[in-house]
Amino acid sequence: MGDRLKVLILNDMVFLMKSIAAGKENIGLPDTEQRVWTNFTR
């Protein structure tokens, strides 16, 4: 039963990676904002 679970998770991961790759090709990555450094430590 453990092997079947590994196969299912692997298939889901492959699908997710293919979907992300297709989205990067078709849609592209969003513009990133400049990082603002803050210091909340007192």
Protein backbone atom coordinates (compact mmCIF):
# COMPACT_ATOMS: atom_id res chain seq x y z
CA MET A 1 0.00 0.00 0.00
CA GLY A 2 2.89 2.36 0.62
CA ASP A 3 4.23 1.89 -2.91
CA ARG A 4 0.87 2.86 -4.42
CA LEU A 5 0.84 6.04 -2.36
CA LYS A 6 4.33 6.93 -3.62
CA VAL A 7 3.18 6.47 -7.21
CA LEU A 8 0.15 8.68 -6.69
CA ILE A 9 2.22 11.45 -5.09
CA LEU A 10 4.82 11.19 -7.85
CA ASN A 11 2.15 11.51 -10.54
CA ASP A 12 0.72 14.57 -8.80
CA MET A 13 4.17 16.15 -8.56
CA VAL A 14 4.87 15.54 -12.26
CA PHE A 15 1.52 17.09 -13.19
CA LEU A 16 2.22 20.11 -11.00
CA MET A 17 5.71 20.62 -12.45
CA LYS A 18 4.39 20.37 -16.02
CA SER A 19 1.60 22.83 -15.21
CA ILE A 20 4.05 25.33 -13.71
CA ALA A 21 6.38 25.01 -16.73
CA ALA A 22 3.48 25.52 -19.16
CA GLY A 23 2.29 28.55 -17.20
CA LYS A 24 5.75 30.12 -17.30
CA GLU A 25 5.91 29.65 -21.07
CA ASN A 26 2.42 30.93 -21.86
CA ILE A 27 1.76 33.52 -19.17
CA GLY A 28 5.22 34.38 -17.89
CA LEU A 29 6.30 35.31 -14.41
CA PRO A 30 4.73 38.25 -12.57
CA ASP A 31 6.71 41.44 -12.08
CA THR A 32 8.49 41.50 -8.77
CA GLU A 33 8.47 44.45 -6.44
CA GLN A 34 11.62 45.86 -4.95
CA ARG A 35 12.26 44.38 -1.52
CA VAL A 36 11.88 46.81 1.34
CA TRP A 37 14.02 45.93 4.34
CA THR A 38 12.52 46.67 7.72
CA ASN A 39 13.83 46.20 11.22
CA PHE A 40 11.19 45.12 13.68
CA THR A 41 13.63 43.82 16.26
CA ARG A 42 13.87 46.05 19.29
